[in-house]
Amino acid sequence: MLTSSHGRSDRGAVRSHNEDSYLDDPANRLWVVADGMGGHAAGDVASQTIIKHLRALPRPPQTVDYVDQVDDALAAANAELIEYAHRNALQIVGSTAVVLLDAGSYMLCAWAGDSRIYQRAGNGLRQLTRDHTQAHEMMSTGAFSAADVQSHAQGGALVRAVGAEAGLVVEWAAAEATVNDVFLLCSDGVTKEMNDQEIAEVLGRPAPVSEITSTLVDTCLARGARDNITAVVVRVEA
């Protein structure tokens, strides 16, 4: 597929530095957002390590081989971060990761954590990833309602992230992609300030992807930007 893409990251209005990183690599048809775990040491090191490993990948002719390479790169980043934490006497140096890979007539998504990938197709918006958080795990058992989870102190805690534990499990999903479909990779700094309806409206605008990306980030900044903000927008052109 022919695509256009653009990424932007901002530290926001509250945080002292930016622990988010992203990769916009249209040549290899690969896009990534990584969000260093807030409240932990060296979150910026964690997100940058993920991007470093994925940026180094050469794209092989077969998509299945590329998928294996992405898995291996995330595993290598995971091992490097665990070693970094051990060497520096830190408990965790971790980050979320979402990866979008152009596979021709469809897109492949890989993720660990609560950064998200959305797809706007026609007039609809759907979240292609599912948050790896305590809240989602609680709700998936059927024993907790959304109201129960909302009041739970640890509801937003991550249950999966790169660098969190030795046995990293990356989740994958596939989505059919057609001309004019728009994909958004974002850290939770975006979803803290904008709801799905607002995101869908912005992604549906007939504007360059650079303008759409700036609108998302600028909207979050105008609303107080309580967290780092990162958005990568990818549109299928042909």
Protein backbone atom coordinates (compact mmCIF):
# COMPACT_ATOMS: atom_id res chain seq x y z
CA MET A 1 0.00 0.00 0.00
CA LEU A 2 0.96 3.60 -0.54
CA THR A 3 0.73 5.55 2.70
CA SER A 4 1.40 9.00 4.10
CA SER A 5 2.45 9.38 7.72
CA HIS A 6 3.56 11.91 10.30
CA GLY A 7 4.55 11.80 13.97
CA ARG A 8 4.89 14.37 16.74
CA SER A 9 5.78 14.18 20.42
CA ASP A 10 5.60 16.78 23.20
CA ARG A 11 6.49 16.62 26.90
CA GLY A 12 3.15 18.25 27.74
CA ALA A 13 2.41 20.97 30.27
CA VAL A 14 3.13 19.13 33.53
CA ARG A 15 5.97 16.62 33.14
CA SER A 16 9.54 17.90 33.41
CA HIS A 17 10.79 15.83 30.48
CA ASN A 18 9.51 13.62 27.69
CA GLU A 19 9.60 9.84 28.26
CA ASP A 20 7.79 9.09 24.98
CA SER A 21 9.54 8.11 21.74
CA TYR A 22 8.25 7.26 18.28
CA LEU A 23 9.33 5.91 14.91
CA ASP A 24 7.88 7.11 11.61
CA ASP A 25 9.54 4.88 8.99
CA PRO A 26 7.47 4.91 5.77
CA ALA A 27 10.36 3.42 3.78
CA ASN A 28 10.04 0.18 5.77
CA ARG A 29 6.29 0.71 6.32
CA LEU A 30 6.78 0.56 10.07
CA TRP A 31 5.46 2.90 12.78
CA VAL A 32 6.00 2.75 16.55
CA VAL A 33 5.07 4.64 19.72
CA ALA A 34 6.73 3.85 23.06
CA ASP A 35 5.79 5.44 26.39
CA GLY A 36 8.32 5.12 29.21
CA MET A 37 6.59 3.99 32.39
CA GLY A 38 5.66 6.99 34.50
CA GLY A 39 6.89 6.92 38.06
CA HIS A 40 9.77 4.61 37.21
CA ALA A 41 13.40 5.53 36.65
CA ALA A 42 14.79 6.09 33.16
CA GLY A 43 11.50 5.93 31.27
CA ASP A 44 13.09 7.87 28.44
CA VAL A 45 15.90 5.30 28.24
CA ALA A 46 13.30 2.55 28.00
CA SER A 47 11.28 4.10 25.17
CA GLN A 48 14.40 5.11 23.23
CA THR A 49 15.80 1.58 23.53
CA ILE A 50 12.68 0.14 21.90
CA ILE A 51 12.90 2.60 19.02
CA LYS A 52 16.62 1.90 18.59
CA HIS A 53 16.04 -1.81 18.13
CA LEU A 54 13.11 -1.42 15.74
CA ARG A 55 14.74 1.31 13.66
CA ALA A 56 17.69 -1.01 12.98
CA LEU A 57 15.53 -3.65 11.27
CA PRO A 58 15.96 -4.14 7.53
CA ARG A 59 12.67 -5.05 5.88
CA PRO A 60 12.81 -8.55 4.36
CA PRO A 61 10.74 -9.52 1.29
CA GLN A 62 8.34 -11.71 3.29
CA THR A 63 6.01 -10.16 5.87
CA VAL A 64 6.17 -13.27 8.07
CA ASP A 65 9.93 -12.76 8.39
CA TYR A 66 9.41 -9.11 9.31
CA VAL A 67 6.96 -10.12 12.04
CA ASP A 68 9.60 -12.46 13.46
CA GLN A 69 12.16 -9.64 13.35
CA VAL A 70 9.84 -7.27 15.22
CA ASP A 71 9.25 -9.92 17.89
CA ASP A 72 13.00 -10.50 18.17
CA ALA A 73 13.74 -6.75 18.36
CA LEU A 74 11.23 -6.25 21.17
CA ALA A 75 12.66 -9.26 23.00
CA ALA A 76 16.16 -7.81 22.60
CA ALA A 77 14.99 -4.43 23.93
CA ASN A 78 13.33 -6.21 26.85
CA ALA A 79 16.54 -8.04 27.73
CA GLU A 80 18.61 -4.87 27.40
CA LEU A 81 16.31 -2.94 29.74
CA ILE A 82 16.32 -5.68 32.35
CA GLU A 83 20.10 -5.72 32.25
CA TYR A 84 20.20 -1.89 32.43
CA ALA A 85 17.98 -1.94 35.53
CA HIS A 86 20.14 -4.61 37.16
CA ARG A 87 23.37 -2.75 36.36
CA ASN A 88 22.04 0.51 37.77
CA ALA A 89 20.30 -1.03 40.81
CA LEU A 90 16.86 0.01 39.57
CA GLN A 91 13.70 -2.00 40.11
CA ILE A 92 12.14 -1.50 36.66
CA VAL A 93 13.14 0.36 33.51
CA GLY A 94 10.14 -0.21 31.28
CA SER A 95 7.99 1.14 28.50
CA THR A 96 4.82 0.43 26.60
CA ALA A 97 5.13 -0.25 22.87
CA VAL A 98 2.70 -0.22 19.95
CA VAL A 99 3.84 -1.24 16.47
CA LEU A 100 1.99 -0.85 13.16
CA LEU A 101 3.29 -2.83 10.20
CA ASP A 102 2.00 -2.45 6.63
CA ALA A 103 1.40 -5.94 5.24
CA GLY A 104 -0.23 -5.04 1.94
CA SER A 105 -4.02 -5.28 2.05
CA TYR A 106 -3.99 -5.27 5.84
CA MET A 107 -2.10 -3.84 8.80
CA LEU A 108 -0.50 -5.83 11.59
CA CYS A 109 -0.46 -4.44 15.14
CA ALA A 110 1.82 -5.52 17.98
CA TRP A 111 1.73 -4.15 21.48
CA ALA A 112 2.56 -4.41 25.15
CA GLY A 113 1.06 -1.95 27.64
CA ASP A 114 -1.65 0.69 27.30
CA SER A 115 -0.51 2.79 24.37
CA ARG A 116 -3.08 2.36 21.60
CA ILE A 117 -3.68 1.93 17.89
CA TYR A 118 -6.95 3.17 16.40
CA GLN A 119 -8.35 2.68 12.90
CA ARG A 120 -10.81 5.08 11.31
CA ALA A 121 -12.54 3.37 8.39
CA GLY A 122 -15.51 5.09 6.78
CA ASN A 123 -17.36 6.85 9.59
CA GLY A 124 -16.34 4.39 12.29
CA LEU A 125 -13.49 4.28 14.79
CA ARG A 126 -12.22 1.15 16.49
CA GLN A 127 -9.42 0.45 18.89
CA LEU A 128 -7.24 -2.32 17.46
CA THR A 129 -5.29 -2.86 20.68
CA ARG A 130 -6.54 -3.74 24.14
CA ASP A 131 -4.99 -2.10 27.17
CA HIS A 132 -2.71 -4.32 29.22
CA THR A 133 -3.84 -2.78 32.51
CA GLN A 134 -5.11 -4.08 35.81
CA ALA A 135 -8.49 -2.53 35.00
CA HIS A 136 -8.88 -4.47 31.77
CA GLU A 137 -7.78 -7.71 33.43
CA MET A 138 -10.33 -7.19 36.22
CA MET A 139 -13.16 -6.51 33.78
CA SER A 140 -12.26 -9.48 31.57
CA THR A 141 -13.02 -11.86 34.44
CA GLY A 142 -16.61 -10.64 34.52
CA ALA A 143 -16.43 -10.18 38.29
CA PHE A 144 -15.93 -6.41 38.13
CA SER A 145 -18.01 -3.71 36.49
CA ALA A 146 -16.63 -0.56 34.86
CA ALA A 147 -17.71 1.38 37.96
CA ASP A 148 -15.87 -1.07 40.24
CA VAL A 149 -12.72 -0.72 38.18
CA GLN A 150 -12.92 3.06 38.01
CA SER A 151 -12.84 3.29 41.80
CA HIS A 152 -10.00 0.78 42.14
CA ALA A 153 -6.73 2.45 43.17
CA GLN A 154 -4.58 0.20 40.96
CA GLY A 155 -6.93 0.07 37.97
CA GLY A 156 -4.54 1.91 35.67
CA ALA A 157 -1.48 -0.14 36.63
CA LEU A 158 0.21 -1.90 33.72
CA VAL A 159 0.28 -5.70 33.72
CA ARG A 160 2.56 -5.93 30.69
CA ALA A 161 5.40 -3.74 29.37
CA VAL A 162 8.78 -4.02 27.68
CA GLY A 163 11.42 -4.28 30.41
CA ALA A 164 9.00 -5.32 33.14
CA GLU A 165 9.87 -9.03 33.27
CA ALA A 166 12.01 -11.60 31.50
CA GLY A 167 9.19 -13.39 29.69
CA LEU A 168 7.82 -10.60 27.47
CA VAL A 169 4.63 -11.59 25.65
CA VAL A 170 3.72 -9.33 22.72
CA GLU A 171 0.12 -9.38 21.52
CA TRP A 172 -0.66 -9.23 17.78
CA ALA A 173 -3.76 -8.39 15.76
CA ALA A 174 -4.56 -7.82 12.09
CA ALA A 175 -6.90 -5.32 10.43
CA GLU A 176 -7.97 -5.05 6.81
CA ALA A 177 -6.95 -1.71 5.32
CA THR A 178 -8.44 0.13 2.37
CA VAL A 179 -7.87 3.49 0.68
CA ASN A 180 -8.56 6.47 2.98
CA ASP A 181 -8.38 4.41 6.17
CA VAL A 182 -6.50 6.32 8.87
CA PHE A 183 -4.52 4.73 11.70
CA LEU A 184 -3.43 6.46 14.91
CA LEU A 185 -0.70 5.22 17.23
CA CYS A 186 -0.68 7.18 20.48
CA SER A 187 0.52 7.24 24.06
CA ASP A 188 -2.05 7.64 26.82
CA GLY A 189 -1.25 11.33 26.97
CA VAL A 190 -3.65 11.67 24.03
CA THR A 191 -6.46 9.52 25.43
CA LYS A 192 -6.31 11.26 28.80
CA GLU A 193 -7.33 14.51 27.10
CA MET A 194 -9.51 13.35 24.16
CA ASN A 195 -12.33 10.82 23.96
CA ASP A 196 -12.92 8.40 21.08
CA GLN A 197 -15.56 10.59 19.43
CA GLU A 198 -13.19 13.56 19.35
CA ILE A 199 -10.35 11.43 18.01
CA ALA A 200 -12.61 10.02 15.28
CA GLU A 201 -13.65 13.53 14.20
CA VAL A 202 -10.05 14.70 13.86
CA LEU A 203 -8.90 11.56 12.02
CA GLY A 204 -11.77 11.94 9.55
CA ARG A 205 -10.79 15.40 8.39
CA PRO A 206 -9.69 15.75 4.73
CA ALA A 207 -6.37 17.29 5.73
CA PRO A 208 -2.69 16.32 5.42
CA VAL A 209 -1.56 13.82 8.06
CA SER A 210 0.86 16.41 9.44
CA GLU A 211 -2.05 18.75 10.14
CA ILE A 212 -4.10 15.97 11.74
CA THR A 213 -1.19 15.03 14.00
CA SER A 214 -0.68 18.65 15.04
CA THR A 215 -4.39 19.07 15.77
CA LEU A 216 -4.33 16.05 18.11
CA VAL A 217 -1.25 17.24 20.00
CA ASP A 218 -2.32 20.90 20.12
CA THR A 219 -5.76 19.93 21.46
CA CYS A 220 -4.14 17.97 24.29
CA LEU A 221 -1.83 20.89 25.08
CA ALA A 222 -4.77 23.29 25.18
CA ARG A 223 -6.51 21.02 27.70
CA GLY A 224 -3.61 20.93 30.12
CA ALA A 225 -1.56 18.01 28.78
CA ARG A 226 -1.15 16.17 32.08
CA ASP A 227 1.20 13.64 30.49
CA ASN A 228 3.66 13.38 27.63
CA ILE A 229 1.83 13.38 24.28
CA THR A 230 2.80 11.34 21.23
CA ALA A 231 0.78 10.70 18.08
CA VAL A 232 1.69 9.04 14.79
CA VAL A 233 -0.93 9.21 12.03
CA VAL A 234 -0.85 6.90 9.00
CA ARG A 235 -3.26 7.20 6.06
CA VAL A 236 -3.69 4.63 3.29
CA GLU A 237 -3.44 6.53 0.01
CA ALA A 238 -3.64 3.76 -2.63
